C-alpha atoms as a PDB file:
ATOM      1  CA  MET A   1      82.901 107.559  87.935  1.00  0.00           C
ATOM      2  CA  ILE A   2      82.647 103.952  87.397  1.00  0.00           C
ATOM      3  CA  PHE A   3      82.789 101.268  90.326  1.00  0.00           C
ATOM      4  CA  LYS A   4      83.267  97.882  90.135  1.00  0.00           C
ATOM      5  CA  ASP A   5      84.685  94.508  91.817  1.00  0.00           C
ATOM      6  CA  GLY A   6      85.409  96.623  94.542  1.00  0.00           C
ATOM      7  CA  LYS A   7      87.535  99.760  92.898  1.00  0.00           C
ATOM      8  CA  ALA A   8      86.329 103.202  91.291  1.00  0.00           C
ATOM      9  CA  THR A   9      87.934 105.153  88.842  1.00  0.00           C
ATOM     10  CA  VAL A  10      86.951 108.616  86.820  1.00  0.00           C
ATOM     11  CA  GLU A  11      87.751 108.381  83.702  1.00  0.00           C
ATOM     12  CA  LEU A  12      87.367 111.534  81.296  1.00  0.00           C
ATOM     13  CA  ALA A  13      84.782 111.939  78.293  1.00  0.00           C
ATOM     14  CA  ASP A  14      87.888 110.724  75.479  1.00  0.00           C
ATOM     15  CA  GLY A  15      88.451 107.425  78.236  1.00  0.00           C
ATOM     16  CA  SER A  16      91.405 108.586  79.924  1.00  0.00           C
ATOM     17  CA  ARG A  17      92.153 107.455  83.444  1.00  0.00           C
ATOM     18  CA  VAL A  18      92.636 110.585  86.232  1.00  0.00           C
ATOM     19  CA  LEU A  19      91.808 108.537  89.400  1.00  0.00           C
ATOM     20  CA  SER A  20      91.188 105.387  91.148  1.00  0.00           C
ATOM     21  CA  ALA A  21      90.619 103.777  94.283  1.00  0.00           C
ATOM     22  CA  ILE A  22      90.276 100.687  96.415  1.00  0.00           C
ATOM     23  CA  LYS A  23      87.715 100.671  98.982  1.00  0.00           C
ATOM     24  CA  SER A  24      88.253  99.207 102.175  1.00  0.00           C
ATOM     25  CA  ARG A  25      85.831  98.921 104.532  1.00  0.00           C
ATOM     26  CA  LYS A  26      82.948 101.330 103.170  1.00  0.00           C
ATOM     27  CA  MET A  27      85.421 103.819 101.937  1.00  0.00           C
ATOM     28  CA  TYR A  28      87.537 104.191  99.304  1.00  0.00           C
ATOM     29  CA  ILE A  29      90.974 104.558  99.003  1.00  0.00           C
ATOM     30  CA  VAL A  30      92.632 106.633  96.362  1.00  0.00           C
ATOM     31  CA  GLU A  31      95.655 104.897  94.730  1.00  0.00           C
ATOM     32  CA  LEU A  32      98.063 108.143  94.721  1.00  0.00           C
ATOM     33  CA  ASP A  33     100.888 106.536  93.180  1.00  0.00           C
ATOM     34  CA  LYS A  34      98.610 105.516  90.348  1.00  0.00           C
ATOM     35  CA  MET A  35      97.060 108.864  89.346  1.00  0.00           C
ATOM     36  CA  PRO A  36      99.045 111.057  86.457  1.00  0.00           C
ATOM     37  CA  PRO A  37     101.315 113.447  87.305  1.00  0.00           C
ATOM     38  CA  LYS A  38      99.264 116.657  85.818  1.00  0.00           C
ATOM     39  CA  THR A  39      96.145 115.416  88.207  1.00  0.00           C
ATOM     40  CA  LEU A  40      98.644 116.097  91.054  1.00  0.00           C
ATOM     41  CA  THR A  41      99.344 119.278  89.342  1.00  0.00           C
ATOM     42  CA  VAL A  42      95.603 120.442  89.011  1.00  0.00           C
ATOM     43  CA  GLN A  43      94.717 119.925  92.590  1.00  0.00           C
ATOM     44  CA  SER A  44      97.773 121.704  93.743  1.00  0.00           C
ATOM     45  CA  ASN A  45      96.593 124.431  91.889  1.00  0.00           C
ATOM     46  CA  ARG A  46      93.450 125.121  93.747  1.00  0.00           C
ATOM     47  CA  LYS A  47      91.995 126.556  96.726  1.00  0.00           C
ATOM     48  CA  SER A  48      91.894 124.805 100.095  1.00  0.00           C
ATOM     49  CA  ALA A  49      88.409 123.196 101.131  1.00  0.00           C
ATOM     50  CA  SER A  50      87.903 123.736 104.723  1.00  0.00           C
ATOM     51  CA  PHE A  51      87.226 121.928 106.994  1.00  0.00           C
ATOM     52  CA  ASP A  52      83.112 121.735 107.247  1.00  0.00           C
ATOM     53  CA  ILE A  53      83.637 120.976 103.401  1.00  0.00           C
ATOM     54  CA  TRP A  54      85.795 117.803 104.628  1.00  0.00           C
ATOM     55  CA  HIS A  55      83.181 116.415 107.077  1.00  0.00           C
ATOM     56  CA  GLN A  56      80.007 117.323 104.924  1.00  0.00           C
ATOM     57  CA  CYS A  57      82.358 115.452 102.333  1.00  0.00           C
ATOM     58  CA  LEU A  58      83.058 111.967 103.940  1.00  0.00           C
ATOM     59  CA  ALA A  59      80.092 111.402 105.298  1.00  0.00           C
ATOM     60  CA  HIS A  60      80.034 113.267 108.313  1.00  0.00           C
ATOM     61  CA  THR A  61      83.579 111.424 109.594  1.00  0.00           C
ATOM     62  CA  GLY A  62      84.171 112.335 112.341  1.00  0.00           C
ATOM     63  CA  ALA A  63      87.492 115.000 113.601  1.00  0.00           C
ATOM     64  CA  ASP A  64      90.353 112.312 115.185  1.00  0.00           C
ATOM     65  CA  THR A  65      89.466 111.023 111.578  1.00  0.00           C
ATOM     66  CA  ILE A  66      89.861 113.494 109.325  1.00  0.00           C
ATOM     67  CA  CYS A  67      93.189 115.036 111.366  1.00  0.00           C
ATOM     68  CA  GLU A  68      94.215 111.501 110.967  1.00  0.00           C
ATOM     69  CA  MET A  69      93.943 111.677 106.955  1.00  0.00           C
ATOM     70  CA  ILE A  70      95.905 114.544 106.572  1.00  0.00           C
ATOM     71  CA  SER A  71      98.090 113.690 109.114  1.00  0.00           C
ATOM     72  CA  LYS A  72      98.819 109.854 106.700  1.00  0.00           C
END
Protein backbone atom coordinates (compact mmCIF):
# COMPACT_ATOMS: atom_id res chain seq x y z
CA MET A 1 0.00 0.00 0.00
CA ILE A 2 1.28 3.43 -0.93
CA PHE A 3 0.25 6.52 1.04
CA LYS A 4 1.01 9.86 -0.65
CA ASP A 5 -0.60 13.30 -0.87
CA GLY A 6 -3.78 12.30 0.98
CA LYS A 7 -4.31 9.20 -1.15
CA ALA A 8 -3.77 5.47 -0.65
CA THR A 9 -3.13 3.02 -3.46
CA VAL A 10 -2.81 -0.76 -3.51
CA GLU A 11 -0.83 -2.15 -6.42
CA LEU A 12 0.15 -5.64 -7.54
CA ALA A 13 3.77 -6.62 -8.15
CA ASP A 14 3.29 -5.87 -11.87
CA GLY A 15 2.31 -2.27 -11.04
CA SER A 16 -1.39 -2.60 -11.82
CA ARG A 17 -3.65 -0.70 -9.42
CA VAL A 18 -6.15 -2.75 -7.44
CA LEU A 19 -7.60 -0.11 -5.15
CA SER A 20 -7.35 3.61 -4.50
CA ALA A 21 -8.74 5.77 -1.72
CA ILE A 22 -8.83 9.44 -0.74
CA LYS A 23 -8.19 10.60 2.82
CA SER A 24 -11.13 12.34 4.45
CA ARG A 25 -10.37 13.53 7.97
CA LYS A 26 -8.87 10.45 9.64
CA MET A 27 -10.32 7.83 7.29
CA TYR A 28 -9.65 6.71 3.73
CA ILE A 29 -12.65 6.50 1.40
CA VAL A 30 -12.31 3.78 -1.25
CA GLU A 31 -13.01 5.01 -4.77
CA LEU A 32 -15.20 2.16 -6.01
CA ASP A 33 -15.80 3.77 -9.40
CA LYS A 34 -12.04 3.67 -10.11
CA MET A 35 -11.56 0.00 -9.21
CA PRO A 36 -11.00 -2.51 -12.01
CA PRO A 37 -14.18 -4.63 -12.49
CA LYS A 38 -12.24 -7.82 -11.76
CA THR A 39 -11.44 -6.56 -8.24
CA LEU A 40 -15.12 -6.19 -7.40
CA THR A 41 -15.90 -9.63 -8.82
CA VAL A 42 -13.20 -11.36 -6.80
CA GLN A 43 -14.28 -9.66 -3.60
CA SER A 44 -17.95 -10.52 -4.13
CA ASN A 45 -17.10 -14.24 -4.12
CA ARG A 46 -15.64 -14.13 -0.63
CA LYS A 47 -17.53 -15.00 2.52
CA SER A 48 -19.00 -11.93 4.23
CA ALA A 49 -17.06 -10.67 7.23
CA SER A 50 -18.87 -10.53 10.54
CA PHE A 51 -19.75 -7.24 12.22
CA ASP A 52 -17.04 -7.91 14.82
CA ILE A 53 -14.39 -8.21 12.11
CA TRP A 54 -15.48 -4.91 10.54
CA HIS A 55 -15.53 -3.29 13.98
CA GLN A 56 -11.91 -4.38 14.55
CA CYS A 57 -10.71 -3.51 11.04
CA LEU A 58 -12.19 -0.03 11.27
CA ALA A 59 -10.30 0.80 14.48
CA HIS A 60 -13.26 -0.07 16.71
CA THR A 61 -15.61 2.33 14.96
CA GLY A 62 -19.04 2.60 16.57
CA ALA A 63 -21.96 0.43 15.46
CA ASP A 64 -23.96 3.42 14.17
CA THR A 65 -21.13 4.46 11.87
CA ILE A 66 -20.63 0.93 10.51
CA CYS A 67 -24.37 0.57 9.88
CA GLU A 68 -24.37 3.93 8.05
CA MET A 69 -21.46 2.76 5.90
CA ILE A 70 -23.34 -0.44 5.03
CA SER A 71 -26.48 1.48 4.05
CA LYS A 72 -24.56 3.79 1.72
